[in-house]
Amino acid sequence: MYINVPKLPLEGQCRCGAVRIRITAAPVMTSICHCSGCQAMSSSAFSLTAMVPNEGFEVIEGEPVVGGMHDPSQQHMGCAHCLSWMFTRIEGAPFVNVRPTMLDDARWFTPFLETMTRE
């Protein structure tokens, strides 16, 4: 599998800058998702995802809050102030789904997989 690997570490923030994140491990996969849940969460036709190993992701500033459906098995995390959806933690998954548009430099992002599901 080929993924355009970014120069690490990468940092990013929510729209207002209250929550900052850091990535220190290359994503294991990148994707675009068109499911109805991602459409609703992003207010768009799709969402972008970089699946970053858990050990390569950290919040370095601020306190993200759970948003979305408040499902304990899928914690959609974002900023309490500007409500930016920043990343998702899925129970038992070895990775964090990071929204690459939250990164200071997302020019490296190229989707490997695109779902066409419209659940």
PDB file of N, CA and C in Angstrom:
ATOM      1  N   MET A   1       0.848  -1.175   0.000  1.00  0.00           N
ATOM      2  CA  MET A   1       0.000   0.000   0.000  1.00  0.00           C
ATOM      3  C   MET A   1       0.891   1.235   0.000  1.00  0.00           C
ATOM      4  N   TYR A   2       0.623   2.177  -0.880  1.00  0.00           N
ATOM      5  CA  TYR A   2       1.374   3.424  -0.946  1.00  0.00           C
ATOM      6  C   TYR A   2       0.591   4.549  -0.292  1.00  0.00           C
ATOM      7  N   ILE A   3       1.249   5.227   0.604  1.00  0.00           N
ATOM      8  CA  ILE A   3       0.691   6.430   1.211  1.00  0.00           C
ATOM      9  C   ILE A   3       1.742   7.507   1.114  1.00  0.00           C
ATOM     10  N   ASN A   4       1.327   8.694   0.746  1.00  0.00           N
ATOM     11  CA  ASN A   4       2.221   9.837   0.708  1.00  0.00           C
ATOM     12  C   ASN A   4       2.598  10.180   2.150  1.00  0.00           C
ATOM     13  N   VAL A   5       3.813   9.832   2.567  1.00  0.00           N
ATOM     14  CA  VAL A   5       4.224   9.994   3.959  1.00  0.00           C
ATOM     15  C   VAL A   5       4.683  11.430   4.205  1.00  0.00           C
ATOM     16  N   PRO A   6       4.089  12.070   5.202  1.00  0.00           N
ATOM     17  CA  PRO A   6       4.465  13.454   5.508  1.00  0.00           C
ATOM     18  C   PRO A   6       5.773  13.520   6.290  1.00  0.00           C
ATOM     19  N   LYS A   7       6.408  14.674   6.254  1.00  0.00           N
ATOM     20  CA  LYS A   7       7.583  14.911   7.089  1.00  0.00           C
ATOM     21  C   LYS A   7       7.075  15.114   8.522  1.00  0.00           C
ATOM     22  N   LEU A   8       7.599  14.314   9.437  1.00  0.00           N
ATOM     23  CA  LEU A   8       7.140  14.333  10.826  1.00  0.00           C
ATOM     24  C   LEU A   8       8.136  15.060  11.717  1.00  0.00           C
ATOM     25  N   PRO A   9       7.695  15.597  12.836  1.00  0.00           N
ATOM     26  CA  PRO A   9       6.315  15.599  13.333  1.00  0.00           C
ATOM     27  C   PRO A   9       5.468  16.646  12.622  1.00  0.00           C
ATOM     28  N   LEU A  10       4.160  16.445  12.711  1.00  0.00           N
ATOM     29  CA  LEU A  10       3.177  17.404  12.207  1.00  0.00           C
ATOM     30  C   LEU A  10       2.379  17.929  13.385  1.00  0.00           C
ATOM     31  N   GLU A  11       2.034  19.197  13.337  1.00  0.00           N
ATOM     32  CA  GLU A  11       1.162  19.767  14.358  1.00  0.00           C
ATOM     33  C   GLU A  11      -0.022  20.423  13.682  1.00  0.00           C
ATOM     34  N   GLY A  12      -1.062  20.624  14.461  1.00  0.00           N
ATOM     35  CA  GLY A  12      -2.253  21.265  13.941  1.00  0.00           C
ATOM     36  C   GLY A  12      -3.100  21.795  15.074  1.00  0.00           C
ATOM     37  N   GLN A  13      -4.199  22.402  14.690  1.00  0.00           N
ATOM     38  CA  GLN A  13      -5.076  23.008  15.693  1.00  0.00           C
ATOM     39  C   GLN A  13      -6.485  23.112  15.170  1.00  0.00           C
ATOM     40  N   CYS A  14      -7.393  23.355  16.106  1.00  0.00           N
ATOM     41  CA  CYS A  14      -8.775  23.642  15.730  1.00  0.00           C
ATOM     42  C   CYS A  14      -8.815  25.030  15.091  1.00  0.00           C
ATOM     43  N   ARG A  15      -9.968  25.420  14.640  1.00  0.00           N
ATOM     44  CA  ARG A  15     -10.086  26.702  13.946  1.00  0.00           C
ATOM     45  C   ARG A  15      -9.686  27.902  14.817  1.00  0.00           C
ATOM     46  N   CYS A  16     -10.027  27.861  16.095  1.00  0.00           N
ATOM     47  CA  CYS A  16      -9.720  28.999  16.969  1.00  0.00           C
ATOM     48  C   CYS A  16      -8.358  28.887  17.651  1.00  0.00           C
ATOM     49  N   GLY A  17      -7.721  27.698  17.572  1.00  0.00           N
ATOM     50  CA  GLY A  17      -6.401  27.511  18.164  1.00  0.00           C
ATOM     51  C   GLY A  17      -6.401  27.075  19.616  1.00  0.00           C
ATOM     52  N   ALA A  18      -7.548  26.838  20.209  1.00  0.00           N
ATOM     53  CA  ALA A  18      -7.614  26.447  21.622  1.00  0.00           C
ATOM     54  C   ALA A  18      -7.121  25.023  21.867  1.00  0.00           C
ATOM     55  N   VAL A  19      -7.253  24.139  20.868  1.00  0.00           N
ATOM     56  CA  VAL A  19      -6.799  22.748  20.989  1.00  0.00           C
ATOM     57  C   VAL A  19      -5.745  22.507  19.911  1.00  0.00           C
ATOM     58  N   ARG A  20      -4.580  22.002  20.339  1.00  0.00           N
ATOM     59  CA  ARG A  20      -3.492  21.689  19.406  1.00  0.00           C
ATOM     60  C   ARG A  20      -3.146  20.207  19.501  1.00  0.00           C
ATOM     61  N   ILE A  21      -2.780  19.641  18.351  1.00  0.00           N
ATOM     62  CA  ILE A  21      -2.430  18.223  18.267  1.00  0.00           C
ATOM     63  C   ILE A  21      -1.055  18.057  17.626  1.00  0.00           C
ATOM     64  N   ARG A  22      -0.446  16.875  17.863  1.00  0.00           N
ATOM     65  CA  ARG A  22       0.841  16.542  17.249  1.00  0.00           C
ATOM     66  C   ARG A  22       0.794  15.093  16.762  1.00  0.00           C
ATOM     67  N   ILE A  23       1.348  14.876  15.568  1.00  0.00           N
ATOM     68  CA  ILE A  23       1.478  13.541  14.986  1.00  0.00           C
ATOM     69  C   ILE A  23       2.965  13.244  14.843  1.00  0.00           C
ATOM     70  N   THR A  24       3.385  12.100  15.405  1.00  0.00           N
ATOM     71  CA  THR A  24       4.793  11.719  15.335  1.00  0.00           C
ATOM     72  C   THR A  24       5.005  10.381  14.626  1.00  0.00           C
ATOM     73  N   ALA A  25       3.932   9.782  14.125  1.00  0.00           N
ATOM     74  CA  ALA A  25       4.016   8.522  13.379  1.00  0.00           C
ATOM     75  C   ALA A  25       3.242   8.675  12.078  1.00  0.00           C
ATOM     76  N   ALA A  26       3.755   8.084  11.033  1.00  0.00           N
ATOM     77  CA  ALA A  26       3.100   8.172   9.721  1.00  0.00           C
ATOM     78  C   ALA A  26       1.735   7.482   9.760  1.00  0.00           C
ATOM     79  N   PRO A  27       0.758   8.026   9.060  1.00  0.00           N
ATOM     80  CA  PRO A  27      -0.549   7.370   8.975  1.00  0.00           C
ATOM     81  C   PRO A  27      -0.424   5.986   8.350  1.00  0.00           C
ATOM     82  N   VAL A  28      -1.231   5.053   8.841  1.00  0.00           N
ATOM     83  CA  VAL A  28      -1.248   3.715   8.254  1.00  0.00           C
ATOM     84  C   VAL A  28      -2.147   3.679   7.018  1.00  0.00           C
ATOM     85  N   MET A  29      -3.075   4.625   6.935  1.00  0.00           N
ATOM     86  CA  MET A  29      -3.929   4.743   5.768  1.00  0.00           C
ATOM     87  C   MET A  29      -4.586   6.122   5.769  1.00  0.00           C
ATOM     88  N   THR A  30      -4.951   6.564   4.591  1.00  0.00           N
ATOM     89  CA  THR A  30      -5.687   7.820   4.437  1.00  0.00           C
ATOM     90  C   THR A  30      -6.944   7.525   3.627  1.00  0.00           C
ATOM     91  N   SER A  31      -8.010   8.301   3.890  1.00  0.00           N
ATOM     92  CA  SER A  31      -9.241   8.015   3.164  1.00  0.00           C
ATOM     93  C   SER A  31     -10.164   9.226   3.092  1.00  0.00           C
ATOM     94  N   ILE A  32     -11.144   9.059   2.218  1.00  0.00           N
ATOM     95  CA  ILE A  32     -12.273   9.976   2.105  1.00  0.00           C
ATOM     96  C   ILE A  32     -13.511   9.126   2.371  1.00  0.00           C
ATOM     97  N   CYS A  33     -14.382   9.572   3.259  1.00  0.00           N
ATOM     98  CA  CYS A  33     -15.587   8.808   3.583  1.00  0.00           C
ATOM     99  C   CYS A  33     -16.834   9.609   3.214  1.00  0.00           C
ATOM    100  N   HIS A  34     -17.751   8.950   2.509  1.00  0.00           N
ATOM    101  CA  HIS A  34     -19.000   9.578   2.072  1.00  0.00           C
ATOM    102  C   HIS A  34     -20.214   9.059   2.837  1.00  0.00           C
ATOM    103  N   CYS A  35     -20.018   8.374   3.969  1.00  0.00           N
ATOM    104  CA  CYS A  35     -21.179   7.859   4.694  1.00  0.00           C
ATOM    105  C   CYS A  35     -22.000   9.022   5.255  1.00  0.00           C
ATOM    106  N   SER A  36     -23.255   8.768   5.552  1.00  0.00           N
ATOM    107  CA  SER A  36     -24.136   9.848   6.020  1.00  0.00           C
ATOM    108  C   SER A  36     -23.667  10.420   7.353  1.00  0.00           C
ATOM    109  N   GLY A  37     -23.039   9.604   8.194  1.00  0.00           N
ATOM    110  CA  GLY A  37     -22.518  10.104   9.465  1.00  0.00           C
ATOM    111  C   GLY A  37     -21.409  11.119   9.252  1.00  0.00           C
ATOM    112  N   CYS A  38     -20.472  10.811   8.370  1.00  0.00           N
ATOM    113  CA  CYS A  38     -19.382  11.754   8.074  1.00  0.00           C
ATOM    114  C   CYS A  38     -19.915  13.002   7.370  1.00  0.00           C
ATOM    115  N   GLN A  39     -20.913  12.826   6.511  1.00  0.00           N
ATOM    116  CA  GLN A  39     -21.515  13.984   5.854  1.00  0.00           C
ATOM    117  C   GLN A  39     -22.132  14.919   6.888  1.00  0.00           C
ATOM    118  N   ALA A  40     -22.844  14.356   7.861  1.00  0.00           N
ATOM    119  CA  ALA A  40     -23.488  15.180   8.887  1.00  0.00           C
ATOM    120  C   ALA A  40     -22.450  15.845   9.793  1.00  0.00           C
ATOM    121  N   MET A  41     -21.414  15.087  10.205  1.00  0.00           N
ATOM    122  CA  MET A  41     -20.399  15.639  11.105  1.00  0.00           C
ATOM    123  C   MET A  41     -19.596  16.759  10.440  1.00  0.00           C
ATOM    124  N   SER A  42     -19.326  16.617   9.141  1.00  0.00           N
ATOM    125  CA  SER A  42     -18.487  17.603   8.450  1.00  0.00           C
ATOM    126  C   SER A  42     -19.298  18.678   7.735  1.00  0.00           C
ATOM    127  N   SER A  43     -20.625  18.518   7.697  1.00  0.00           N
ATOM    128  CA  SER A  43     -21.487  19.433   6.938  1.00  0.00           C
ATOM    129  C   SER A  43     -21.007  19.538   5.494  1.00  0.00           C
ATOM    130  N   SER A  44     -20.632  18.401   4.934  1.00  0.00           N
ATOM    131  CA  SER A  44     -20.076  18.339   3.590  1.00  0.00           C
ATOM    132  C   SER A  44     -20.483  17.021   2.945  1.00  0.00           C
ATOM    133  N   ALA A  45     -20.028  16.790   1.734  1.00  0.00           N
ATOM    134  CA  ALA A  45     -20.317  15.539   1.035  1.00  0.00           C
ATOM    135  C   ALA A  45     -19.421  14.404   1.507  1.00  0.00           C
ATOM    136  N   PHE A  46     -18.382  14.717   2.294  1.00  0.00           N
ATOM    137  CA  PHE A  46     -17.425  13.706   2.735  1.00  0.00           C
ATOM    138  C   PHE A  46     -16.595  14.250   3.890  1.00  0.00           C
ATOM    139  N   SER A  47     -15.804  13.361   4.497  1.00  0.00           N
ATOM    140  CA  SER A  47     -14.788  13.781   5.462  1.00  0.00           C
ATOM    141  C   SER A  47     -13.469  13.142   5.062  1.00  0.00           C
ATOM    142  N   LEU A  48     -12.371  13.786   5.414  1.00  0.00           N
ATOM    143  CA  LEU A  48     -11.027  13.275   5.161  1.00  0.00           C
ATOM    144  C   LEU A  48     -10.494  12.665   6.445  1.00  0.00           C
ATOM    145  N   THR A  49      -9.729  11.585   6.320  1.00  0.00           N
ATOM    146  CA  THR A  49      -9.188  10.908   7.486  1.00  0.00           C
ATOM    147  C   THR A  49      -7.761  10.449   7.232  1.00  0.00           C
ATOM    148  N   ALA A  50      -6.913  10.652   8.239  1.00  0.00           N
ATOM    149  CA  ALA A  50      -5.586  10.051   8.282  1.00  0.00           C
ATOM    150  C   ALA A  50      -5.577   9.165   9.522  1.00  0.00           C
ATOM    151  N   MET A  51      -5.398   7.869   9.328  1.00  0.00           N
ATOM    152  CA  MET A  51      -5.412   6.910  10.432  1.00  0.00           C
ATOM    153  C   MET A  51      -4.011   6.830  11.022  1.00  0.00           C
ATOM    154  N   VAL A  52      -3.844   7.465  12.178  1.00  0.00           N
ATOM    155  CA  VAL A  52      -2.536   7.597  12.816  1.00  0.00           C
ATOM    156  C   VAL A  52      -2.438   6.606  13.977  1.00  0.00           C
ATOM    157  N   PRO A  53      -1.343   5.829  14.064  1.00  0.00           N
ATOM    158  CA  PRO A  53      -1.191   4.917  15.198  1.00  0.00           C
ATOM    159  C   PRO A  53      -1.368   5.660  16.531  1.00  0.00           C
ATOM    160  N   ASN A  54      -2.049   5.007  17.476  1.00  0.00           N
ATOM    161  CA  ASN A  54      -2.326   5.645  18.774  1.00  0.00           C
ATOM    162  C   ASN A  54      -1.084   6.257  19.402  1.00  0.00           C
ATOM    163  N   GLU A  55       0.040   5.521  19.353  1.00  0.00           N
ATOM    164  CA  GLU A  55       1.250   6.015  19.998  1.00  0.00           C
ATOM    165  C   GLU A  55       1.871   7.209  19.269  1.00  0.00           C
ATOM    166  N   GLY A  56       1.420   7.501  18.066  1.00  0.00           N
ATOM    167  CA  GLY A  56       1.956   8.616  17.292  1.00  0.00           C
ATOM    168  C   GLY A  56       1.066   9.840  17.281  1.00  0.00           C
ATOM    169  N   PHE A  57       0.085   9.883  18.196  1.00  0.00           N
ATOM    170  CA  PHE A  57      -0.849  11.006  18.242  1.00  0.00           C
ATOM    171  C   PHE A  57      -0.966  11.530  19.662  1.00  0.00           C
ATOM    172  N   GLU A  58      -0.984  12.840  19.810  1.00  0.00           N
ATOM    173  CA  GLU A  58      -1.209  13.425  21.137  1.00  0.00           C
ATOM    174  C   GLU A  58      -1.837  14.806  21.027  1.00  0.00           C
ATOM    175  N   VAL A  59      -2.602  15.141  22.042  1.00  0.00           N
ATOM    176  CA  VAL A  59      -3.119  16.502  22.204  1.00  0.00           C
ATOM    177  C   VAL A  59      -2.062  17.236  23.012  1.00  0.00           C
ATOM    178  N   ILE A  60      -1.556  18.341  22.481  1.00  0.00           N
ATOM    179  CA  ILE A  60      -0.469  19.049  23.159  1.00  0.00           C
ATOM    180  C   ILE A  60      -0.918  20.345  23.825  1.00  0.00           C
ATOM    181  N   GLU A  61      -2.141  20.751  23.541  1.00  0.00           N
ATOM    182  CA  GLU A  61      -2.661  21.957  24.180  1.00  0.00           C
ATOM    183  C   GLU A  61      -4.173  21.937  24.170  1.00  0.00           C
ATOM    184  N   GLY A  62      -4.780  22.365  25.253  1.00  0.00           N
ATOM    185  CA  GLY A  62      -6.228  22.427  25.349  1.00  0.00           C
ATOM    186  C   GLY A  62      -6.849  21.102  25.739  1.00  0.00           C
ATOM    187  N   GLU A  63      -8.149  21.118  25.865  1.00  0.00           N
ATOM    188  CA  GLU A  63      -8.916  19.941  26.272  1.00  0.00           C
ATOM    189  C   GLU A  63     -10.030  19.676  25.265  1.00  0.00           C
ATOM    190  N   PRO A  64      -9.847  18.713  24.364  1.00  0.00           N
ATOM    191  CA  PRO A  64     -10.925  18.408  23.428  1.00  0.00           C
ATOM    192  C   PRO A  64     -12.124  17.798  24.162  1.00  0.00           C
ATOM    193  N   VAL A  65     -13.282  17.950  23.573  1.00  0.00           N
ATOM    194  CA  VAL A  65     -14.515  17.416  24.150  1.00  0.00           C
ATOM    195  C   VAL A  65     -15.159  16.459  23.153  1.00  0.00           C
ATOM    196  N   VAL A  66     -15.994  15.554  23.671  1.00  0.00           N
ATOM    197  CA  VAL A  66     -16.720  14.609  22.823  1.00  0.00           C
ATOM    198  C   VAL A  66     -17.867  15.342  22.145  1.00  0.00           C
ATOM    199  N   GLY A  67     -18.000  15.127  20.856  1.00  0.00           N
ATOM    200  CA  GLY A  67     -19.098  15.722  20.094  1.00  0.00           C
ATOM    201  C   GLY A  67     -19.820  14.631  19.317  1.00  0.00           C
ATOM    202  N   GLY A  68     -20.545  15.000  18.309  1.00  0.00           N
ATOM    203  CA  GLY A  68     -21.245  14.012  17.490  1.00  0.00           C
ATOM    204  C   GLY A  68     -22.348  13.334  18.265  1.00  0.00           C
ATOM    205  N   MET A  69     -22.428  12.017  18.123  1.00  0.00           N
ATOM    206  CA  MET A  69     -23.508  11.232  18.723  1.00  0.00           C
ATOM    207  C   MET A  69     -23.225  10.832  20.167  1.00  0.00           C
ATOM    208  N   HIS A  70     -22.072  11.162  20.708  1.00  0.00           N
ATOM    209  CA  HIS A  70     -21.680  10.798  22.077  1.00  0.00           C
ATOM    210  C   HIS A  70     -21.750   9.290  22.287  1.00  0.00           C
ATOM    211  N   ASP A  71     -21.370   8.535  21.268  1.00  0.00           N
ATOM    212  CA  ASP A  71     -21.307   7.081  21.318  1.00  0.00           C
ATOM    213  C   ASP A  71     -19.987   6.690  21.975  1.00  0.00           C
ATOM    214  N   PRO A  72     -20.022   5.960  23.098  1.00  0.00           N
ATOM    215  CA  PRO A  72     -18.772   5.619  23.778  1.00  0.00           C
ATOM    216  C   PRO A  72     -17.817   4.779  22.928  1.00  0.00           C
ATOM    217  N   SER A  73     -18.322   4.074  21.909  1.00  0.00           N
ATOM    218  CA  SER A  73     -17.443   3.259  21.069  1.00  0.00           C
ATOM    219  C   SER A  73     -16.769   4.080  19.969  1.00  0.00           C
ATOM    220  N   GLN A  74     -17.282   5.279  19.688  1.00  0.00           N
ATOM    221  CA  GLN A  74     -16.696   6.181  18.701  1.00  0.00           C
ATOM    222  C   GLN A  74     -16.730   7.589  19.270  1.00  0.00           C
ATOM    223  N   GLN A  75     -15.613   8.035  19.790  1.00  0.00           N
ATOM    224  CA  GLN A  75     -15.572   9.367  20.381  1.00  0.00           C
ATOM    225  C   GLN A  75     -15.073  10.374  19.357  1.00  0.00           C
ATOM    226  N   HIS A  76     -15.991  11.181  18.847  1.00  0.00           N
ATOM    227  CA  HIS A  76     -15.662  12.254  17.915  1.00  0.00           C
ATOM    228  C   HIS A  76     -15.235  13.450  18.760  1.00  0.00           C
ATOM    229  N   MET A  77     -13.967  13.822  18.656  1.00  0.00           N
ATOM    230  CA  MET A  77     -13.401  14.837  19.536  1.00  0.00           C
ATOM    231  C   MET A  77     -13.213  16.163  18.804  1.00  0.00           C
ATOM    232  N   GLY A  78     -13.471  17.234  19.530  1.00  0.00           N
ATOM    233  CA  GLY A  78     -13.324  18.550  18.930  1.00  0.00           C
ATOM    234  C   GLY A  78     -13.130  19.623  19.976  1.00  0.00           C
ATOM    235  N   CYS A  79     -13.137  20.845  19.520  1.00  0.00           N
ATOM    236  CA  CYS A  79     -12.944  22.006  20.384  1.00  0.00           C
ATOM    237  C   CYS A  79     -14.287  22.467  20.955  1.00  0.00           C
ATOM    238  N   ALA A  80     -14.317  22.701  22.251  1.00  0.00           N
ATOM    239  CA  ALA A  80     -15.545  23.161  22.902  1.00  0.00           C
ATOM    240  C   ALA A  80     -15.906  24.582  22.487  1.00  0.00           C
ATOM    241  N   HIS A  81     -14.920  25.370  22.086  1.00  0.00           N
ATOM    242  CA  HIS A  81     -15.182  26.768  21.753  1.00  0.00           C
ATOM    243  C   HIS A  81     -15.644  26.941  20.298  1.00  0.00           C
ATOM    244  N   CYS A  82     -14.847  26.466  19.342  1.00  0.00           N
ATOM    245  CA  CYS A  82     -15.198  26.684  17.925  1.00  0.00           C
ATOM    246  C   CYS A  82     -15.929  25.493  17.302  1.00  0.00           C
ATOM    247  N   LEU A  83     -16.019  24.387  18.046  1.00  0.00           N
ATOM    248  CA  LEU A  83     -16.745  23.180  17.629  1.00  0.00           C
ATOM    249  C   LEU A  83     -16.143  22.471  16.412  1.00  0.00           C
ATOM    250  N   SER A  84     -14.860  22.702  16.133  1.00  0.00           N
ATOM    251  CA  SER A  84     -14.188  21.991  15.043  1.00  0.00           C
ATOM    252  C   SER A  84     -14.071  20.516  15.385  1.00  0.00           C
ATOM    253  N   TRP A  85     -14.455  19.639  14.452  1.00  0.00           N
ATOM    254  CA  TRP A  85     -14.286  18.194  14.601  1.00  0.00           C
ATOM    255  C   TRP A  85     -12.854  17.880  14.219  1.00  0.00           C
ATOM    256  N   MET A  86     -12.042  17.401  15.161  1.00  0.00           N
ATOM    257  CA  MET A  86     -10.612  17.252  14.940  1.00  0.00           C
ATOM    258  C   MET A  86     -10.148  15.813  14.742  1.00  0.00           C
ATOM    259  N   PHE A  87     -10.675  14.886  15.542  1.00  0.00           N
ATOM    260  CA  PHE A  87     -10.246  13.488  15.450  1.00  0.00           C
ATOM    261  C   PHE A  87     -11.296  12.590  16.080  1.00  0.00           C
ATOM    262  N   THR A  88     -11.185  11.298  15.765  1.00  0.00           N
ATOM    263  CA  THR A  88     -12.114  10.306  16.299  1.00  0.00           C
ATOM    264  C   THR A  88     -11.326   9.140  16.864  1.00  0.00           C
ATOM    265  N   ARG A  89     -11.696   8.736  18.074  1.00  0.00           N
ATOM    266  CA  ARG A  89     -11.121   7.533  18.696  1.00  0.00           C
ATOM    267  C   ARG A  89     -12.191   6.446  18.645  1.00  0.00           C
ATOM    268  N   ILE A  90     -11.834   5.302  18.051  1.00  0.00           N
ATOM    269  CA  ILE A  90     -12.754   4.177  17.938  1.00  0.00           C
ATOM    270  C   ILE A  90     -12.313   3.111  18.933  1.00  0.00           C
ATOM    271  N   GLU A  91     -13.236   2.676  19.772  1.00  0.00           N
ATOM    272  CA  GLU A  91     -12.926   1.694  20.813  1.00  0.00           C
ATOM    273  C   GLU A  91     -12.213   0.477  20.233  1.00  0.00           C
ATOM    274  N   GLY A  92     -11.054   0.150  20.784  1.00  0.00           N
ATOM    275  CA  GLY A  92     -10.298  -1.023  20.380  1.00  0.00           C
ATOM    276  C   GLY A  92      -9.435  -0.839  19.148  1.00  0.00           C
ATOM    277  N   ALA A  93      -9.551   0.269  18.448  1.00  0.00           N
ATOM    278  CA  ALA A  93      -8.756   0.491  17.231  1.00  0.00           C
ATOM    279  C   ALA A  93      -7.324   0.886  17.595  1.00  0.00           C
ATOM    280  N   PRO A  94      -6.340   0.425  16.832  1.00  0.00           N
ATOM    281  CA  PRO A  94      -4.943   0.773  17.109  1.00  0.00           C
ATOM    282  C   PRO A  94      -4.537   2.123  16.521  1.00  0.00           C
ATOM    283  N   PHE A  95      -5.520   2.888  16.067  1.00  0.00           N
ATOM    284  CA  PHE A  95      -5.235   4.177  15.448  1.00  0.00           C
ATOM    285  C   PHE A  95      -6.273   5.216  15.855  1.00  0.00           C
ATOM    286  N   VAL A  96      -5.945   6.481  15.588  1.00  0.00           N
ATOM    287  CA  VAL A  96      -6.849   7.615  15.779  1.00  0.00           C
ATOM    288  C   VAL A  96      -7.135   8.163  14.389  1.00  0.00           C
ATOM    289  N   ASN A  97      -8.396   8.430  14.081  1.00  0.00           N
ATOM    290  CA  ASN A  97      -8.761   9.048  12.805  1.00  0.00           C
ATOM    291  C   ASN A  97      -8.627  10.566  12.943  1.00  0.00           C
ATOM    292  N   VAL A  98      -7.619  11.118  12.327  1.00  0.00           N
ATOM    293  CA  VAL A  98      -7.343  12.552  12.422  1.00  0.00           C
ATOM    294  C   VAL A  98      -7.855  13.241  11.164  1.00  0.00           C
ATOM    295  N   ARG A  99      -8.530  14.381  11.343  1.00  0.00           N
ATOM    296  CA  ARG A  99      -8.949  15.189  10.194  1.00  0.00           C
ATOM    297  C   ARG A  99      -7.709  15.949   9.711  1.00  0.00           C
ATOM    298  N   PRO A 100      -7.145  15.610   8.562  1.00  0.00           N
ATOM    299  CA  PRO A 100      -5.899  16.237   8.113  1.00  0.00           C
ATOM    300  C   PRO A 100      -6.030  17.736   7.843  1.00  0.00           C
ATOM    301  N   THR A 101      -7.235  18.204   7.622  1.00  0.00           N
ATOM    302  CA  THR A 101      -7.422  19.644   7.404  1.00  0.00           C
ATOM    303  C   THR A 101      -7.154  20.449   8.671  1.00  0.00           C
ATOM    304  N   MET A 102      -7.059  19.785   9.814  1.00  0.00           N
ATOM    305  CA  MET A 102      -6.734  20.462  11.078  1.00  0.00           C
ATOM    306  C   MET A 102      -5.229  20.670  11.230  1.00  0.00           C
ATOM    307  N   LEU A 103      -4.432  20.043  10.373  1.00  0.00           N
ATOM    308  CA  LEU A 103      -2.977  20.146  10.472  1.00  0.00           C
ATOM    309  C   LEU A 103      -2.476  21.452   9.856  1.00  0.00           C
ATOM    310  N   ASP A 104      -1.402  21.972  10.414  1.00  0.00           N
ATOM    311  CA  ASP A 104      -0.831  23.219   9.903  1.00  0.00           C
ATOM    312  C   ASP A 104      -0.434  23.093   8.443  1.00  0.00           C
ATOM    313  N   ASP A 105       0.015  21.904   8.043  1.00  0.00           N
ATOM    314  CA  ASP A 105       0.385  21.647   6.648  1.00  0.00           C
ATOM    315  C   ASP A 105      -0.235  20.322   6.230  1.00  0.00           C
ATOM    316  N   ALA A 106      -1.249  20.378   5.415  1.00  0.00           N
ATOM    317  CA  ALA A 106      -1.927  19.157   4.956  1.00  0.00           C
ATOM    318  C   ALA A 106      -1.680  18.912   3.467  1.00  0.00           C
ATOM    319  N   ARG A 107      -0.694  19.588   2.906  1.00  0.00           N
ATOM    320  CA  ARG A 107      -0.419  19.418   1.469  1.00  0.00           C
ATOM    321  C   ARG A 107       0.006  17.999   1.117  1.00  0.00           C
ATOM    322  N   TRP A 108       0.522  17.245   2.070  1.00  0.00           N
ATOM    323  CA  TRP A 108       0.966  15.879   1.841  1.00  0.00           C
ATOM    324  C   TRP A 108      -0.199  14.910   1.650  1.00  0.00           C
ATOM    325  N   PHE A 109      -1.404  15.299   2.120  1.00  0.00           N
ATOM    326  CA  PHE A 109      -2.535  14.372   2.169  1.00  0.00           C
ATOM    327  C   PHE A 109      -3.011  13.985   0.776  1.00  0.00           C
ATOM    328  N   THR A 110      -3.001  12.675   0.526  1.00  0.00           N
ATOM    329  CA  THR A 110      -3.581  12.092  -0.676  1.00  0.00           C
ATOM    330  C   THR A 110      -4.380  10.877  -0.211  1.00  0.00           C
ATOM    331  N   PRO A 111      -5.661  10.810  -0.521  1.00  0.00           N
ATOM    332  CA  PRO A 111      -6.441   9.650  -0.055  1.00  0.00           C
ATOM    333  C   PRO A 111      -6.022   8.369  -0.755  1.00  0.00           C
ATOM    334  N   PHE A 112      -5.875   7.307   0.029  1.00  0.00           N
ATOM    335  CA  PHE A 112      -5.576   5.979  -0.505  1.00  0.00           C
ATOM    336  C   PHE A 112      -6.876   5.255  -0.853  1.00  0.00           C
ATOM    337  N   LEU A 113      -7.904   5.486  -0.032  1.00  0.00           N
ATOM    338  CA  LEU A 113      -9.178   4.783  -0.157  1.00  0.00           C
ATOM    339  C   LEU A 113     -10.303   5.810  -0.164  1.00  0.00           C
ATOM    340  N   GLU A 114     -11.326   5.550  -0.966  1.00  0.00           N
ATOM    341  CA  GLU A 114     -12.514   6.404  -0.947  1.00  0.00           C
ATOM    342  C   GLU A 114     -13.734   5.525  -0.848  1.00  0.00           C
ATOM    343  N   THR A 115     -14.528   5.733   0.214  1.00  0.00           N
ATOM    344  CA  THR A 115     -15.763   4.964   0.351  1.00  0.00           C
ATOM    345  C   THR A 115     -16.872   5.669  -0.406  1.00  0.00           C
ATOM    346  N   MET A 116     -17.775   4.906  -0.925  1.00  0.00           N
ATOM    347  CA  MET A 116     -18.913   5.490  -1.638  1.00  0.00           C
ATOM    348  C   MET A 116     -20.217   5.169  -0.940  1.00  0.00           C
ATOM    349  N   THR A 117     -20.139   4.628   0.266  1.00  0.00           N
ATOM    350  CA  THR A 117     -21.318   4.263   1.033  1.00  0.00           C
ATOM    351  C   THR A 117     -22.114   5.501   1.384  1.00  0.00           C
ATOM    352  N   ARG A 118     -23.381   5.454   1.206  1.00  0.00           N
ATOM    353  CA  ARG A 118     -24.265   6.563   1.565  1.00  0.00           C
ATOM    354  C   ARG A 118     -25.354   6.011   2.481  1.00  0.00           C
ATOM    355  N   GLU A 119     -24.925   5.504   3.633  1.00  0.00           N
ATOM    356  CA  GLU A 119     -25.826   4.865   4.593  1.00  0.00           C
ATOM    357  C   GLU A 119     -26.886   5.805   5.080  1.00  0.00           C
TER     358      GLU A 119
END
